[in-house]
PDB file of all heavy atoms in Angstrom:
ATOM      1  N   PRO A   1       5.122  22.900 -18.136  1.00  0.00           N
ATOM      2  CA  PRO A   1       5.646  23.666 -17.009  1.00  0.00           C
ATOM      3  C   PRO A   1       4.667  23.799 -15.802  1.00  0.00           C
ATOM      4  O   PRO A   1       5.051  23.879 -14.675  1.00  0.00           O
ATOM      5  CB  PRO A   1       5.846  25.097 -17.576  1.00  0.00           C
ATOM      6  CG  PRO A   1       6.228  24.734 -19.019  1.00  0.00           C
ATOM      7  CD  PRO A   1       5.310  23.477 -19.353  1.00  0.00           C
ATOM      8  N   GLU A   2       3.449  23.666 -16.075  1.00  0.00           N
ATOM      9  CA  GLU A   2       2.374  23.723 -14.968  1.00  0.00           C
ATOM     10  C   GLU A   2       2.428  22.426 -14.174  1.00  0.00           C
ATOM     11  O   GLU A   2       1.818  22.553 -13.060  1.00  0.00           O
ATOM     12  CB  GLU A   2       0.990  23.955 -15.640  1.00  0.00           C
ATOM     13  CG  GLU A   2       0.537  22.767 -16.439  1.00  0.00           C
ATOM     14  CD  GLU A   2      -0.618  23.193 -17.353  1.00  0.00           C
ATOM     15  OE1 GLU A   2      -0.483  23.987 -18.306  1.00  0.00           O
ATOM     16  OE2 GLU A   2      -1.769  22.735 -17.088  1.00  0.00           O
ATOM     17  N   ASP A   3       3.158  21.445 -14.637  1.00  0.00           N
ATOM     18  CA  ASP A   3       3.257  20.203 -13.720  1.00  0.00           C
ATOM     19  C   ASP A   3       4.263  20.412 -12.607  1.00  0.00           C
ATOM     20  O   ASP A   3       4.341  19.629 -11.757  1.00  0.00           O
ATOM     21  CB  ASP A   3       3.598  19.102 -14.618  1.00  0.00           C
ATOM     22  CG  ASP A   3       2.483  18.668 -15.641  1.00  0.00           C
ATOM     23  OD1 ASP A   3       1.329  18.726 -15.225  1.00  0.00           O
ATOM     24  OD2 ASP A   3       2.812  18.448 -16.832  1.00  0.00           O
ATOM     25  N   THR A   4       4.920  21.496 -12.658  1.00  0.00           N
ATOM     26  CA  THR A   4       6.010  21.772 -11.655  1.00  0.00           C
ATOM     27  C   THR A   4       5.388  21.830 -10.243  1.00  0.00           C
ATOM     28  O   THR A   4       4.465  22.553 -10.055  1.00  0.00           O
ATOM     29  CB  THR A   4       6.823  23.043 -11.996  1.00  0.00           C
ATOM     30  OG1 THR A   4       7.487  22.925 -13.156  1.00  0.00           O
ATOM     31  CG2 THR A   4       7.808  23.373 -10.862  1.00  0.00           C
ATOM     32  N   ALA A   5       5.814  20.999  -9.334  1.00  0.00           N
ATOM     33  CA  ALA A   5       5.229  20.983  -8.095  1.00  0.00           C
ATOM     34  C   ALA A   5       6.071  19.893  -7.211  1.00  0.00           C
ATOM     35  O   ALA A   5       6.853  19.221  -7.829  1.00  0.00           O
ATOM     36  CB  ALA A   5       3.799  20.564  -8.069  1.00  0.00           C
ATOM     37  N   VAL A   6       5.750  19.901  -5.904  1.00  0.00           N
ATOM     38  CA  VAL A   6       6.173  18.783  -5.098  1.00  0.00           C
ATOM     39  C   VAL A   6       5.189  17.690  -5.153  1.00  0.00           C
ATOM     40  O   VAL A   6       3.971  17.958  -4.961  1.00  0.00           O
ATOM     41  CB  VAL A   6       6.468  19.223  -3.668  1.00  0.00           C
ATOM     42  CG1 VAL A   6       6.869  18.054  -2.770  1.00  0.00           C
ATOM     43  CG2 VAL A   6       7.553  20.255  -3.614  1.00  0.00           C
ATOM     44  N   TYR A   7       5.544  16.508  -5.481  1.00  0.00           N
ATOM     45  CA  TYR A   7       4.593  15.374  -5.570  1.00  0.00           C
ATOM     46  C   TYR A   7       4.676  14.429  -4.321  1.00  0.00           C
ATOM     47  O   TYR A   7       5.822  14.067  -3.972  1.00  0.00           O
ATOM     48  CB  TYR A   7       4.980  14.554  -6.871  1.00  0.00           C
ATOM     49  CG  TYR A   7       4.407  15.422  -8.142  1.00  0.00           C
ATOM     50  CD1 TYR A   7       5.067  16.496  -8.582  1.00  0.00           C
ATOM     51  CD2 TYR A   7       3.380  14.794  -8.831  1.00  0.00           C
ATOM     52  CE1 TYR A   7       4.591  17.124  -9.658  1.00  0.00           C
ATOM     53  CE2 TYR A   7       2.916  15.493 -10.003  1.00  0.00           C
ATOM     54  CZ  TYR A   7       3.539  16.638 -10.334  1.00  0.00           C
ATOM     55  OH  TYR A   7       3.036  17.197 -11.545  1.00  0.00           O
ATOM     56  N   PHE A   8       3.500  14.101  -3.874  1.00  0.00           N
ATOM     57  CA  PHE A   8       3.443  13.232  -2.709  1.00  0.00           C
ATOM     58  C   PHE A   8       2.639  11.987  -3.093  1.00  0.00           C
ATOM     59  O   PHE A   8       1.568  12.049  -3.561  1.00  0.00           O
ATOM     60  CB  PHE A   8       2.763  13.864  -1.621  1.00  0.00           C
ATOM     61  CG  PHE A   8       3.405  15.249  -1.099  1.00  0.00           C
ATOM     62  CD1 PHE A   8       3.164  16.496  -1.695  1.00  0.00           C
ATOM     63  CD2 PHE A   8       4.224  15.193   0.051  1.00  0.00           C
ATOM     64  CE1 PHE A   8       3.655  17.592  -1.249  1.00  0.00           C
ATOM     65  CE2 PHE A   8       4.888  16.344   0.465  1.00  0.00           C
ATOM     66  CZ  PHE A   8       4.594  17.594  -0.231  1.00  0.00           C
ATOM     67  N   CYS A   9       3.216  10.861  -2.688  1.00  0.00           N
ATOM     68  CA  CYS A   9       2.392   9.630  -2.754  1.00  0.00           C
ATOM     69  C   CYS A   9       1.595   9.520  -1.526  1.00  0.00           C
ATOM     70  O   CYS A   9       1.931   9.888  -0.417  1.00  0.00           O
ATOM     71  CB  CYS A   9       3.262   8.437  -3.046  1.00  0.00           C
ATOM     72  SG  CYS A   9       4.423   8.017  -1.748  1.00  0.00           S
ATOM     73  N   HIS A  10       0.423   8.770  -1.634  1.00  0.00           N
ATOM     74  CA  HIS A  10      -0.374   8.386  -0.442  1.00  0.00           C
ATOM     75  C   HIS A  10      -0.789   7.064  -0.548  1.00  0.00           C
ATOM     76  O   HIS A  10      -1.233   6.591  -1.720  1.00  0.00           O
ATOM     77  CB  HIS A  10      -1.582   9.494  -0.394  1.00  0.00           C
ATOM     78  CG  HIS A  10      -2.448   9.234   0.748  1.00  0.00           C
ATOM     79  ND1 HIS A  10      -3.498   8.403   0.701  1.00  0.00           N
ATOM     80  CD2 HIS A  10      -2.256   9.768   1.977  1.00  0.00           C
ATOM     81  CE1 HIS A  10      -4.023   8.444   1.820  1.00  0.00           C
ATOM     82  NE2 HIS A  10      -3.441   9.265   2.653  1.00  0.00           N
ATOM     83  N   ALA A  11      -0.776   6.382   0.540  1.00  0.00           N
ATOM     84  CA  ALA A  11      -1.294   4.998   0.453  1.00  0.00           C
ATOM     85  C   ALA A  11      -2.280   4.719   1.673  1.00  0.00           C
ATOM     86  O   ALA A  11      -2.088   5.171   2.760  1.00  0.00           O
ATOM     87  CB  ALA A  11      -0.122   3.985   0.747  1.00  0.00           C
ATOM     88  N   ASP A  12      -3.378   4.187   1.378  1.00  0.00           N
ATOM     89  CA  ASP A  12      -4.377   3.742   2.252  1.00  0.00           C
ATOM     90  C   ASP A  12      -4.388   2.256   2.123  1.00  0.00           C
ATOM     91  O   ASP A  12      -4.789   1.705   1.229  1.00  0.00           O
ATOM     92  CB  ASP A  12      -5.777   4.328   1.819  1.00  0.00           C
ATOM     93  CG  ASP A  12      -6.867   4.076   2.966  1.00  0.00           C
ATOM     94  OD1 ASP A  12      -6.706   3.190   3.758  1.00  0.00           O
ATOM     95  OD2 ASP A  12      -7.803   4.967   2.949  1.00  0.00           O
ATOM     96  N   PHE A  13      -4.194   1.587   3.303  1.00  0.00           N
ATOM     97  CA  PHE A  13      -4.186   0.077   3.429  1.00  0.00           C
ATOM     98  C   PHE A  13      -5.558  -0.389   3.582  1.00  0.00           C
ATOM     99  O   PHE A  13      -5.672  -1.658   3.758  1.00  0.00           O
ATOM    100  CB  PHE A  13      -3.223  -0.304   4.434  1.00  0.00           C
ATOM    101  CG  PHE A  13      -1.750  -0.074   4.027  1.00  0.00           C
ATOM    102  CD1 PHE A  13      -1.091   1.098   4.262  1.00  0.00           C
ATOM    103  CD2 PHE A  13      -1.027  -1.095   3.278  1.00  0.00           C
ATOM    104  CE1 PHE A  13       0.165   1.374   3.815  1.00  0.00           C
ATOM    105  CE2 PHE A  13       0.233  -0.924   2.922  1.00  0.00           C
ATOM    106  CZ  PHE A  13       0.893   0.218   3.159  1.00  0.00           C
ATOM    107  N   GLY A  14      -6.458   0.478   3.899  1.00  0.00           N
ATOM    108  CA  GLY A  14      -7.900  -0.026   3.998  1.00  0.00           C
ATOM    109  C   GLY A  14      -8.269  -0.686   5.259  1.00  0.00           C
ATOM    110  O   GLY A  14      -9.321  -1.358   5.312  1.00  0.00           O
ATOM    111  N   VAL A  15      -7.536  -0.584   6.299  1.00  0.00           N
ATOM    112  CA  VAL A  15      -7.813  -1.171   7.619  1.00  0.00           C
ATOM    113  C   VAL A  15      -8.202  -0.221   8.772  1.00  0.00           C
ATOM    114  O   VAL A  15      -8.320  -0.652   9.868  1.00  0.00           O
ATOM    115  CB  VAL A  15      -6.761  -2.255   7.995  1.00  0.00           C
ATOM    116  CG1 VAL A  15      -6.777  -3.309   7.072  1.00  0.00           C
ATOM    117  CG2 VAL A  15      -5.440  -1.505   8.141  1.00  0.00           C
ATOM    118  N   GLY A  16      -8.067   1.090   8.413  1.00  0.00           N
ATOM    119  CA  GLY A  16      -8.370   2.063   9.430  1.00  0.00           C
ATOM    120  C   GLY A  16      -7.570   3.382   9.193  1.00  0.00           C
ATOM    121  O   GLY A  16      -6.644   3.372   8.414  1.00  0.00           O
ATOM    122  N   PRO A  17      -7.951   4.427  10.013  1.00  0.00           N
ATOM    123  CA  PRO A  17      -7.321   5.744   9.724  1.00  0.00           C
ATOM    124  C   PRO A  17      -5.811   5.708  10.037  1.00  0.00           C
ATOM    125  O   PRO A  17      -5.035   6.433   9.607  1.00  0.00           O
ATOM    126  CB  PRO A  17      -7.960   6.693  10.805  1.00  0.00           C
ATOM    127  CG  PRO A  17      -9.340   5.960  10.987  1.00  0.00           C
ATOM    128  CD  PRO A  17      -9.103   4.415  10.939  1.00  0.00           C
ATOM    129  N   ASN A  18      -5.345   4.803  10.918  1.00  0.00           N
ATOM    130  CA  ASN A  18      -3.939   4.598  11.276  1.00  0.00           C
ATOM    131  C   ASN A  18      -3.112   4.065  10.237  1.00  0.00           C
ATOM    132  O   ASN A  18      -1.920   3.970  10.449  1.00  0.00           O
ATOM    133  CB  ASN A  18      -3.766   3.949  12.712  1.00  0.00           C
ATOM    134  CG  ASN A  18      -4.298   4.775  13.777  1.00  0.00           C
ATOM    135  OD1 ASN A  18      -4.402   5.978  13.741  1.00  0.00           O
ATOM    136  ND2 ASN A  18      -4.734   4.069  14.813  1.00  0.00           N
ATOM    137  N   TRP A  19      -3.788   3.486   9.250  1.00  0.00           N
ATOM    138  CA  TRP A  19      -3.104   2.837   8.118  1.00  0.00           C
ATOM    139  C   TRP A  19      -3.119   3.754   6.818  1.00  0.00           C
ATOM    140  O   TRP A  19      -3.316   3.151   5.748  1.00  0.00           O
ATOM    141  CB  TRP A  19      -3.660   1.522   7.858  1.00  0.00           C
ATOM    142  CG  TRP A  19      -3.263   0.474   8.971  1.00  0.00           C
ATOM    143  CD1 TRP A  19      -3.862   0.409  10.081  1.00  0.00           C
ATOM    144  CD2 TRP A  19      -2.177  -0.359   8.941  1.00  0.00           C
ATOM    145  NE1 TRP A  19      -3.247  -0.596  10.873  1.00  0.00           N
ATOM    146  CE2 TRP A  19      -2.154  -1.108  10.131  1.00  0.00           C
ATOM    147  CE3 TRP A  19      -1.156  -0.672   7.974  1.00  0.00           C
ATOM    148  CZ2 TRP A  19      -1.136  -2.017  10.491  1.00  0.00           C
ATOM    149  CZ3 TRP A  19      -0.217  -1.465   8.320  1.00  0.00           C
ATOM    150  CH2 TRP A  19      -0.298  -2.185   9.547  1.00  0.00           C
ATOM    151  N   ARG A  20      -3.060   5.030   6.942  1.00  0.00           N
ATOM    152  CA  ARG A  20      -2.911   5.918   5.821  1.00  0.00           C
ATOM    153  C   ARG A  20      -1.569   6.702   6.045  1.00  0.00           C
ATOM    154  O   ARG A  20      -1.348   7.210   7.088  1.00  0.00           O
ATOM    155  CB  ARG A  20      -4.043   6.998   5.888  1.00  0.00           C
ATOM    156  CG  ARG A  20      -5.470   6.293   5.707  1.00  0.00           C
ATOM    157  CD  ARG A  20      -6.555   7.238   5.853  1.00  0.00           C
ATOM    158  NE  ARG A  20      -7.915   6.637   5.866  1.00  0.00           N
ATOM    159  CZ  ARG A  20      -9.030   7.170   6.298  1.00  0.00           C
ATOM    160  NH1 ARG A  20      -8.950   8.375   6.748  1.00  0.00           N
ATOM    161  NH2 ARG A  20     -10.120   6.433   6.126  1.00  0.00           N
ATOM    162  N   TYR A  21      -0.719   6.776   4.977  1.00  0.00           N
ATOM    163  CA  TYR A  21       0.518   7.295   4.990  1.00  0.00           C
ATOM    164  C   TYR A  21       0.907   8.126   3.747  1.00  0.00           C
ATOM    165  O   TYR A  21       0.337   7.982   2.784  1.00  0.00           O
ATOM    166  CB  TYR A  21       1.541   6.206   5.112  1.00  0.00           C
ATOM    167  CG  TYR A  21       1.310   5.308   6.319  1.00  0.00           C
ATOM    168  CD1 TYR A  21       0.654   4.124   6.252  1.00  0.00           C
ATOM    169  CD2 TYR A  21       1.985   5.550   7.565  1.00  0.00           C
ATOM    170  CE1 TYR A  21       0.431   3.315   7.323  1.00  0.00           C
ATOM    171  CE2 TYR A  21       1.832   4.719   8.571  1.00  0.00           C
ATOM    172  CZ  TYR A  21       1.002   3.582   8.511  1.00  0.00           C
ATOM    173  OH  TYR A  21       0.882   2.822   9.598  1.00  0.00           O
ATOM    174  N   TRP A  22       1.751   9.139   4.095  1.00  0.00           N
ATOM    175  CA  TRP A  22       2.176  10.028   3.061  1.00  0.00           C
ATOM    176  C   TRP A  22       3.608   9.797   2.811  1.00  0.00           C
ATOM    177  O   TRP A  22       4.413   9.435   3.737  1.00  0.00           O
ATOM    178  CB  TRP A  22       2.066  11.501   3.477  1.00  0.00           C
ATOM    179  CG  TRP A  22       0.728  11.984   3.469  1.00  0.00           C
ATOM    180  CD1 TRP A  22      -0.112  12.135   4.507  1.00  0.00           C
ATOM    181  CD2 TRP A  22      -0.050  12.617   2.434  1.00  0.00           C
ATOM    182  NE1 TRP A  22      -1.395  12.648   4.177  1.00  0.00           N
ATOM    183  CE2 TRP A  22      -1.308  13.004   2.849  1.00  0.00           C
ATOM    184  CE3 TRP A  22       0.199  12.780   1.054  1.00  0.00           C
ATOM    185  CZ2 TRP A  22      -2.334  13.585   2.115  1.00  0.00           C
ATOM    186  CZ3 TRP A  22      -0.720  13.254   0.193  1.00  0.00           C
ATOM    187  CH2 TRP A  22      -1.990  13.632   0.761  1.00  0.00           C
ATOM    188  N   GLY A  23       4.091   9.924   1.565  1.00  0.00           N
ATOM    189  CA  GLY A  23       5.408   9.924   1.278  1.00  0.00           C
ATOM    190  C   GLY A  23       6.097  11.284   1.598  1.00  0.00           C
ATOM    191  O   GLY A  23       5.437  12.188   2.015  1.00  0.00           O
ATOM    192  N   GLN A  24       7.366  11.378   1.456  1.00  0.00           N
ATOM    193  CA  GLN A  24       8.128  12.563   2.032  1.00  0.00           C
ATOM    194  C   GLN A  24       7.965  13.745   1.001  1.00  0.00           C
ATOM    195  O   GLN A  24       8.264  14.838   1.400  1.00  0.00           O
ATOM    196  CB  GLN A  24       9.555  12.269   2.202  1.00  0.00           C
ATOM    197  CG  GLN A  24      10.473  12.131   0.943  1.00  0.00           C
ATOM    198  CD  GLN A  24      10.338  10.895   0.250  1.00  0.00           C
ATOM    199  OE1 GLN A  24       9.512  10.023   0.494  1.00  0.00           O
ATOM    200  NE2 GLN A  24      11.282  10.717  -0.832  1.00  0.00           N
ATOM    201  N   GLY A  25       7.634  13.553  -0.258  1.00  0.00           N
ATOM    202  CA  GLY A  25       7.486  14.522  -1.202  1.00  0.00           C
ATOM    203  C   GLY A  25       8.704  14.589  -2.019  1.00  0.00           C
ATOM    204  O   GLY A  25       9.802  14.455  -1.523  1.00  0.00           O
ATOM    205  N   THR A  26       8.534  14.770  -3.250  1.00  0.00           N
ATOM    206  CA  THR A  26       9.654  14.893  -4.265  1.00  0.00           C
ATOM    207  C   THR A  26       9.363  16.002  -5.237  1.00  0.00           C
ATOM    208  O   THR A  26       8.334  16.158  -5.651  1.00  0.00           O
ATOM    209  CB  THR A  26       9.970  13.566  -4.944  1.00  0.00           C
ATOM    210  OG1 THR A  26      11.163  13.655  -5.719  1.00  0.00           O
ATOM    211  CG2 THR A  26       8.783  13.097  -5.848  1.00  0.00           C
ATOM    212  N   GLN A  27      10.403  16.784  -5.566  1.00  0.00           N
ATOM    213  CA  GLN A  27      10.164  17.913  -6.461  1.00  0.00           C
ATOM    214  C   GLN A  27      10.334  17.464  -7.931  1.00  0.00           C
ATOM    215  O   GLN A  27      11.174  16.716  -8.376  1.00  0.00           O
ATOM    216  CB  GLN A  27      11.350  18.998  -6.213  1.00  0.00           C
ATOM    217  CG  GLN A  27      11.337  20.110  -7.088  1.00  0.00           C
ATOM    218  CD  GLN A  27      10.230  21.073  -6.746  1.00  0.00           C
ATOM    219  OE1 GLN A  27       9.872  21.362  -5.704  1.00  0.00           O
ATOM    220  NE2 GLN A  27       9.460  21.504  -7.811  1.00  0.00           N
TER     221      GLN A  27
END
């Protein structure tokens, strides 16, 4: 039950700050 949360993926493409992105989140 403690795993209950909104989960977000994150990706860093390693080429600069403008290449870091978040997913929309999923419950």
